[in-house]
Amino acid sequence: MLTVLETLAPAERAVFVLREVFDLPYDEIAAAVDRTPAAVRQIAHRAREHVAARRPRIEVDRTEQQQVVDRFLAAVQTGDLQGLLDVLAPDVVLVADGGGERAAVRRPVVGRERVATLLARFRTIAPEAVVGTAWLNGAPAARVELAGELDTAISLVVADGRVARIYAIRNPHKLARLNVEATLSR
């Protein structure tokens, strides 16, 4: 929440905290921030929208998320089709971005059976690949290295104890920025 609050403008932050945390009436907030009550209502509305836009879409316990990612990676690394079927959501979607420079699936792959079948072949396609865990967008993810170089970053969305979305990033321009910490801005 502190990170989200830091992305708000100073007036939005003050109004949001005074209204949402301390439940002060708009007229008292208006006097404190030297604005009209109508302006404070608008600022509060905007601040709530900004905060809501930055909330995670799906709340998942980090321990559960890490366990699902570990199961997923173990199944991918061993080519365990049944293990993949067990860890993937029925309506899982796999999307890959090669940026036109690396091979990637052209269209999203949808459905547990299709995604599992595709991923179960990973070891036969890239036997020398080194797969490990990483943190991506504040969540457990995977990284694939070939010949000691980052080849693919895989972001996983976990819902209800299963992998619901898989985003494989192979675009070298995007991968180059993964080791750079981004600053938050509006």
Protein backbone atom coordinates (compact mmCIF):
# COMPACT_ATOMS: atom_id res chain seq x y z
CA MET A 1 0.00 0.00 0.00
CA LEU A 2 2.88 2.37 0.72
CA THR A 3 4.21 1.84 -2.77
CA VAL A 4 0.79 2.58 -4.23
CA LEU A 5 0.41 5.71 -2.10
CA GLU A 6 3.78 6.96 -3.32
CA THR A 7 2.45 6.91 -6.88
CA LEU A 8 -0.36 9.33 -6.01
CA ALA A 9 0.04 13.08 -6.34
CA PRO A 10 0.50 14.81 -2.94
CA ALA A 11 -3.07 16.18 -2.87
CA GLU A 12 -4.51 12.79 -3.86
CA ARG A 13 -2.45 11.05 -1.18
CA ALA A 14 -3.56 13.47 1.55
CA VAL A 15 -7.24 13.28 0.57
CA PHE A 16 -7.16 9.50 0.19
CA VAL A 17 -5.60 8.92 3.61
CA LEU A 18 -7.82 11.44 5.39
CA ARG A 19 -10.99 10.07 3.80
CA GLU A 20 -10.34 6.32 3.46
CA VAL A 21 -8.17 5.75 6.53
CA PHE A 22 -9.43 8.34 9.01
CA ASP A 23 -12.97 8.65 7.57
CA LEU A 24 -12.99 12.45 7.86
CA PRO A 25 -15.88 14.30 6.24
CA TYR A 26 -15.20 16.09 2.94
CA ASP A 27 -15.67 19.58 4.42
CA GLU A 28 -12.98 18.96 7.07
CA ILE A 29 -10.61 17.58 4.45
CA ALA A 30 -11.33 20.60 2.23
CA ALA A 31 -10.32 22.96 5.03
CA ALA A 32 -7.14 20.98 5.69
CA VAL A 33 -5.99 20.95 2.04
CA ASP A 34 -7.36 24.41 1.13
CA ARG A 35 -9.78 23.15 -1.52
CA THR A 36 -13.55 23.19 -1.93
CA PRO A 37 -15.56 20.16 -0.73
CA ALA A 38 -16.56 19.46 -4.37
CA ALA A 39 -12.90 19.48 -5.44
CA VAL A 40 -12.02 17.16 -2.54
CA ARG A 41 -14.76 14.71 -3.60
CA GLN A 42 -13.30 14.66 -7.12
CA ILE A 43 -9.75 14.21 -5.84
CA ALA A 44 -10.90 11.37 -3.56
CA HIS A 45 -12.68 9.69 -6.47
CA ARG A 46 -9.58 9.96 -8.67
CA ALA A 47 -7.32 8.69 -5.88
CA ARG A 48 -9.57 5.64 -5.29
CA GLU A 49 -9.45 4.86 -9.02
CA HIS A 50 -5.65 5.13 -9.06
CA VAL A 51 -5.31 2.88 -6.02
CA ALA A 52 -7.76 0.32 -7.46
CA ALA A 53 -5.87 0.27 -10.77
CA ARG A 54 -2.68 -0.69 -8.96
CA ARG A 55 -4.15 -3.51 -6.85
CA PRO A 56 -3.34 -7.06 -7.91
CA ARG A 57 -6.14 -8.61 -9.94
CA ILE A 58 -5.90 -11.87 -8.05
CA GLU A 59 -4.86 -12.18 -4.41
CA VAL A 60 -2.66 -15.22 -3.95
CA ASP A 61 -0.63 -16.24 -0.92
CA ARG A 62 3.08 -16.08 -1.86
CA THR A 63 3.78 -19.49 -0.35
CA GLU A 64 0.96 -21.06 -2.37
CA GLN A 65 2.11 -19.21 -5.48
CA GLN A 66 5.70 -20.45 -5.04
CA GLN A 67 4.48 -24.04 -4.54
CA VAL A 68 2.43 -23.90 -7.75
CA VAL A 69 5.36 -22.40 -9.68
CA ASP A 70 7.69 -25.11 -8.31
CA ARG A 71 5.25 -27.88 -9.35
CA PHE A 72 4.87 -26.27 -12.79
CA LEU A 73 8.64 -26.01 -13.33
CA ALA A 74 9.27 -29.58 -12.15
CA ALA A 75 6.69 -30.86 -14.62
CA VAL A 76 8.10 -28.78 -17.49
CA GLN A 77 11.70 -29.84 -16.78
CA THR A 78 10.85 -33.54 -16.69
CA GLY A 79 8.28 -33.50 -19.49
CA ASP A 80 5.66 -34.82 -17.05
CA LEU A 81 2.43 -34.48 -19.01
CA GLN A 82 0.22 -35.59 -16.10
CA GLY A 83 2.03 -33.20 -13.75
CA LEU A 84 1.33 -30.35 -16.17
CA LEU A 85 -2.32 -31.35 -16.51
CA ASP A 86 -2.59 -31.32 -12.71
CA VAL A 87 -1.03 -27.87 -12.23
CA LEU A 88 -2.71 -26.04 -15.15
CA ALA A 89 -6.16 -24.47 -14.90
CA PRO A 90 -8.72 -25.88 -17.37
CA ASP A 91 -8.86 -22.58 -19.29
CA VAL A 92 -5.13 -21.75 -19.05
CA VAL A 93 -3.76 -19.40 -21.72
CA LEU A 94 -0.16 -19.36 -22.92
CA VAL A 95 1.10 -16.27 -24.74
CA ALA A 96 4.65 -15.84 -26.05
CA ASP A 97 6.41 -12.72 -27.31
CA GLY A 98 9.46 -13.22 -29.48
CA GLY A 99 9.44 -9.68 -30.82
CA GLY A 100 9.80 -11.01 -34.36
CA GLU A 101 13.40 -11.95 -33.51
CA ARG A 102 12.93 -15.21 -31.64
CA ALA A 103 10.65 -18.16 -32.27
CA ALA A 104 7.39 -17.98 -30.32
CA VAL A 105 3.85 -19.22 -30.66
CA ARG A 106 1.99 -16.96 -33.07
CA ARG A 107 -1.36 -17.05 -31.31
CA PRO A 108 -2.34 -17.69 -27.72
CA VAL A 109 -2.56 -21.39 -26.86
CA VAL A 110 -5.75 -22.01 -24.89
CA GLY A 111 -6.78 -24.99 -22.78
CA ARG A 112 -5.08 -27.34 -20.36
CA GLU A 113 -4.54 -30.22 -22.81
CA ARG A 114 -3.07 -28.05 -25.61
CA VAL A 115 -0.76 -26.11 -23.28
CA ALA A 116 0.36 -29.25 -21.41
CA THR A 117 1.10 -31.10 -24.65
CA LEU A 118 3.17 -28.17 -25.92
CA LEU A 119 5.13 -27.74 -22.67
CA ALA A 120 5.73 -31.47 -22.17
CA ARG A 121 7.93 -31.37 -25.31
CA PHE A 122 10.21 -28.67 -23.84
CA ARG A 123 13.03 -31.03 -22.79
CA THR A 124 13.15 -32.72 -26.20
CA ILE A 125 13.28 -29.34 -27.97
CA ALA A 126 15.83 -27.70 -25.62
CA PRO A 127 17.67 -30.42 -23.64
CA GLU A 128 20.55 -28.09 -22.76
CA ALA A 129 18.30 -25.38 -21.29
CA VAL A 130 18.73 -24.44 -17.65
CA VAL A 131 15.42 -23.58 -15.99
CA GLY A 132 15.30 -21.77 -12.68
CA THR A 133 13.05 -19.63 -10.57
CA ALA A 134 13.12 -15.85 -10.60
CA TRP A 135 11.01 -12.93 -9.41
CA LEU A 136 9.13 -11.03 -12.09
CA ASN A 137 6.63 -8.25 -11.41
CA GLY A 138 6.80 -9.06 -7.70
CA ALA A 139 5.84 -12.70 -8.12
CA PRO A 140 7.61 -16.05 -8.50
CA ALA A 141 8.38 -16.75 -12.14
CA ALA A 142 10.82 -18.75 -14.25
CA ARG A 143 13.88 -18.02 -16.32
CA VAL A 144 15.31 -20.17 -19.08
CA GLU A 145 18.97 -19.90 -19.97
CA LEU A 146 20.68 -21.29 -23.04
CA ALA A 147 24.50 -21.31 -23.16
CA GLY A 148 24.58 -19.14 -20.03
CA GLU A 149 22.40 -16.40 -21.55
CA LEU A 150 18.84 -15.48 -20.58
CA ASP A 151 16.63 -16.84 -23.36
CA THR A 152 13.12 -16.66 -21.90
CA ALA A 153 11.40 -15.15 -18.87
CA ILE A 154 8.12 -16.79 -17.91
CA SER A 155 5.55 -14.95 -15.85
CA LEU A 156 2.85 -17.11 -14.31
CA VAL A 157 -0.54 -16.04 -12.99
CA VAL A 158 -1.76 -18.38 -10.27
CA ALA A 159 -5.44 -18.63 -9.39
CA ASP A 160 -7.16 -21.24 -7.22
CA GLY A 161 -3.94 -23.23 -6.81
CA ARG A 162 -3.29 -23.62 -10.54
CA VAL A 163 -1.48 -21.80 -13.32
CA ALA A 164 -4.12 -19.71 -15.12
CA ARG A 165 -1.92 -17.61 -17.45
CA ILE A 166 1.57 -18.10 -18.85
CA TYR A 167 3.45 -15.21 -20.43
CA ALA A 168 6.70 -16.27 -22.09
CA ILE A 169 8.91 -13.31 -22.95
CA ARG A 170 11.54 -14.12 -25.58
CA ASN A 171 11.85 -10.68 -27.16
CA PRO A 172 15.54 -9.80 -26.63
CA HIS A 173 14.77 -6.07 -26.24
CA LYS A 174 12.37 -6.77 -23.37
CA LEU A 175 14.69 -9.33 -21.79
CA ALA A 176 17.53 -6.79 -21.76
CA ARG A 177 15.47 -4.60 -19.42
CA LEU A 178 14.61 -7.32 -16.92
CA ASN A 179 17.70 -6.72 -14.81
CA VAL A 180 16.93 -2.99 -14.52
CA GLU A 181 14.74 -1.93 -11.61
CA ALA A 182 11.87 0.21 -12.90
CA THR A 183 10.70 3.31 -11.09
CA LEU A 184 7.01 3.63 -10.31
CA SER A 185 5.17 6.51 -11.90
CA ARG A 186 1.65 7.44 -12.82
